[in-house]
Amino acid sequence: MSEDGERRHDFELRAIVHEYERQAEETLDLAKRATDAAKRQKLISLANSFTELAEALRGPRPRLTKYSIPRYRIQFLNQADDIIGFEFFDADGDEQAIGRAGLVYSSNIGKGYEIWDGARRVHVEIY
């Protein structure tokens, strides 16, 4: 493949990854507004699938620089392990995300929570 062909391929691949990431964000926004728990669960599952596709195409995430902050998602679980709500938050890494979630989100919402970084589950906390 020529250098121009490789550049075009890389550009198209980045565009596809970006589209999957955008679809994941929009689907999570829809899930946040869904009033039916079963529909919310399906939308969150679909968003996770979009995220997994983007990560599979993108390859391993580049290591963080001092200027980048990963975006984490906390998913609140009910007694049946269904997701009853979620929020996004920023942290400097997994340890800070787990600590911050423990301080901020240990509440009476459901039976516990999961912390996610894209399609990677970082931590589970059950009360």
Protein backbone atom coordinates (compact mmCIF):
# COMPACT_ATOMS: atom_id res chain seq x y z
CA MET A 1 0.00 0.00 0.00
CA SER A 2 1.33 3.43 -0.88
CA GLU A 3 1.98 6.08 1.74
CA ASP A 4 -1.07 8.03 0.55
CA GLY A 5 -3.15 4.86 0.72
CA GLU A 6 -1.97 4.19 4.27
CA ARG A 7 -2.80 7.75 5.31
CA ARG A 8 -6.26 7.50 3.78
CA HIS A 9 -6.82 4.14 5.49
CA ASP A 10 -5.73 5.57 8.86
CA PHE A 11 -7.98 8.59 8.39
CA GLU A 12 -10.98 6.40 7.52
CA LEU A 13 -10.29 4.11 10.47
CA ARG A 14 -10.12 7.09 12.86
CA ALA A 15 -13.41 8.37 11.44
CA ILE A 16 -15.07 5.00 12.08
CA VAL A 17 -13.69 4.86 15.64
CA HIS A 18 -14.93 8.40 16.26
CA GLU A 19 -18.40 7.46 14.95
CA TYR A 20 -18.60 4.41 17.26
CA GLU A 21 -17.56 6.59 20.21
CA ARG A 22 -20.19 9.19 19.28
CA GLN A 23 -22.85 6.48 18.99
CA ALA A 24 -21.88 5.16 22.44
CA GLU A 25 -22.26 8.63 24.00
CA GLU A 26 -25.62 9.26 22.31
CA THR A 27 -26.91 5.82 23.32
CA LEU A 28 -25.88 6.42 26.94
CA ASP A 29 -27.68 9.77 26.85
CA LEU A 30 -30.82 7.99 25.64
CA ALA A 31 -30.42 5.40 28.39
CA LYS A 32 -30.15 8.11 31.01
CA ARG A 33 -33.53 9.50 29.95
CA ALA A 34 -35.24 6.10 29.59
CA THR A 35 -37.96 5.51 32.18
CA ASP A 36 -38.34 1.77 31.47
CA ALA A 37 -35.60 -0.20 33.28
CA ALA A 38 -35.47 -2.97 30.65
CA LYS A 39 -35.08 -0.44 27.85
CA ARG A 40 -32.41 1.42 29.82
CA GLN A 41 -30.48 -1.83 30.33
CA LYS A 42 -30.61 -2.64 26.60
CA LEU A 43 -29.42 0.85 25.67
CA ILE A 44 -26.49 0.64 28.10
CA SER A 45 -25.57 -2.76 26.68
CA LEU A 46 -25.68 -1.31 23.16
CA ALA A 47 -23.49 1.62 24.23
CA ASN A 48 -20.97 -0.82 25.71
CA SER A 49 -20.94 -2.68 22.37
CA PHE A 50 -20.21 0.55 20.48
CA THR A 51 -17.37 1.27 22.93
CA GLU A 52 -15.93 -2.24 22.51
CA LEU A 53 -16.01 -1.87 18.71
CA ALA A 54 -14.22 1.48 18.90
CA GLU A 55 -11.56 0.07 21.22
CA ALA A 56 -11.06 -3.01 19.03
CA LEU A 57 -10.46 -0.83 15.98
CA ARG A 58 -8.38 1.76 17.80
CA GLY A 59 -6.16 -0.76 19.53
CA PRO A 60 -4.75 -0.25 23.01
CA ARG A 61 -5.42 3.15 24.48
CA PRO A 62 -2.44 5.42 24.37
CA ARG A 63 -0.86 6.01 27.75
CA LEU A 64 -2.02 9.12 29.48
CA THR A 65 -0.05 12.30 29.24
CA LYS A 66 0.07 14.90 31.96
CA TYR A 67 -2.62 16.80 30.02
CA SER A 68 -5.16 14.01 29.55
CA ILE A 69 -7.73 12.85 32.06
CA PRO A 70 -9.66 9.62 31.48
CA ARG A 71 -13.43 9.68 31.65
CA TYR A 72 -15.01 7.06 33.90
CA ARG A 73 -18.61 5.87 34.17
CA ILE A 74 -20.22 4.68 37.38
CA GLN A 75 -23.23 2.38 36.99
CA PHE A 76 -25.56 1.93 39.97
CA LEU A 77 -26.95 -1.58 40.46
CA ASN A 78 -30.23 -2.70 42.00
CA GLN A 79 -30.81 -5.95 43.92
CA ALA A 80 -31.26 -7.87 40.61
CA ASP A 81 -27.92 -6.50 39.27
CA ASP A 82 -29.75 -4.31 36.74
CA ILE A 83 -28.29 -0.89 36.03
CA ILE A 84 -30.63 1.70 37.52
CA GLY A 85 -28.58 4.77 36.72
CA PHE A 86 -25.16 6.01 35.75
CA GLU A 87 -22.98 9.11 35.73
CA PHE A 88 -19.71 10.14 34.13
CA PHE A 89 -16.81 11.56 36.11
CA ASP A 90 -13.15 12.37 35.56
CA ALA A 91 -10.18 10.98 37.45
CA ASP A 92 -6.41 10.84 36.96
CA GLY A 93 -6.37 7.03 36.94
CA ASP A 94 -8.04 3.87 38.22
CA GLU A 95 -6.97 4.30 41.84
CA GLN A 96 -8.27 7.86 42.00
CA ALA A 97 -11.52 6.79 40.28
CA ILE A 98 -12.09 4.02 42.83
CA GLY A 99 -11.30 6.35 45.74
CA ARG A 100 -13.47 9.16 44.42
CA ALA A 101 -16.40 6.82 43.75
CA GLY A 102 -16.06 5.37 47.25
CA LEU A 103 -16.24 8.82 48.82
CA VAL A 104 -18.84 10.42 46.59
CA TYR A 105 -21.10 7.55 45.60
CA SER A 106 -21.37 5.34 48.67
CA SER A 107 -25.01 6.00 49.25
CA ASN A 108 -28.33 4.26 49.49
CA ILE A 109 -28.70 3.98 45.70
CA GLY A 110 -29.32 0.31 44.96
CA LYS A 111 -27.02 -2.44 46.19
CA GLY A 112 -23.74 -1.18 44.76
CA TYR A 113 -21.96 0.15 41.70
CA GLU A 114 -19.49 -0.65 38.94
CA ILE A 115 -16.81 1.70 37.63
CA TRP A 116 -16.04 1.52 33.90
CA ASP A 117 -13.36 3.04 31.70
CA GLY A 118 -14.91 2.62 28.26
CA ALA A 119 -15.58 -1.10 27.88
CA ARG A 120 -13.14 -2.04 30.68
CA ARG A 121 -14.66 -2.70 34.08
CA VAL A 122 -12.36 -1.16 36.66
CA HIS A 123 -14.06 -1.95 39.97
CA VAL A 124 -17.23 -3.40 41.52
CA GLU A 125 -18.52 -2.37 44.93
CA ILE A 126 -21.42 -4.21 46.56
CA TYR A 127 -22.89 -2.90 49.83
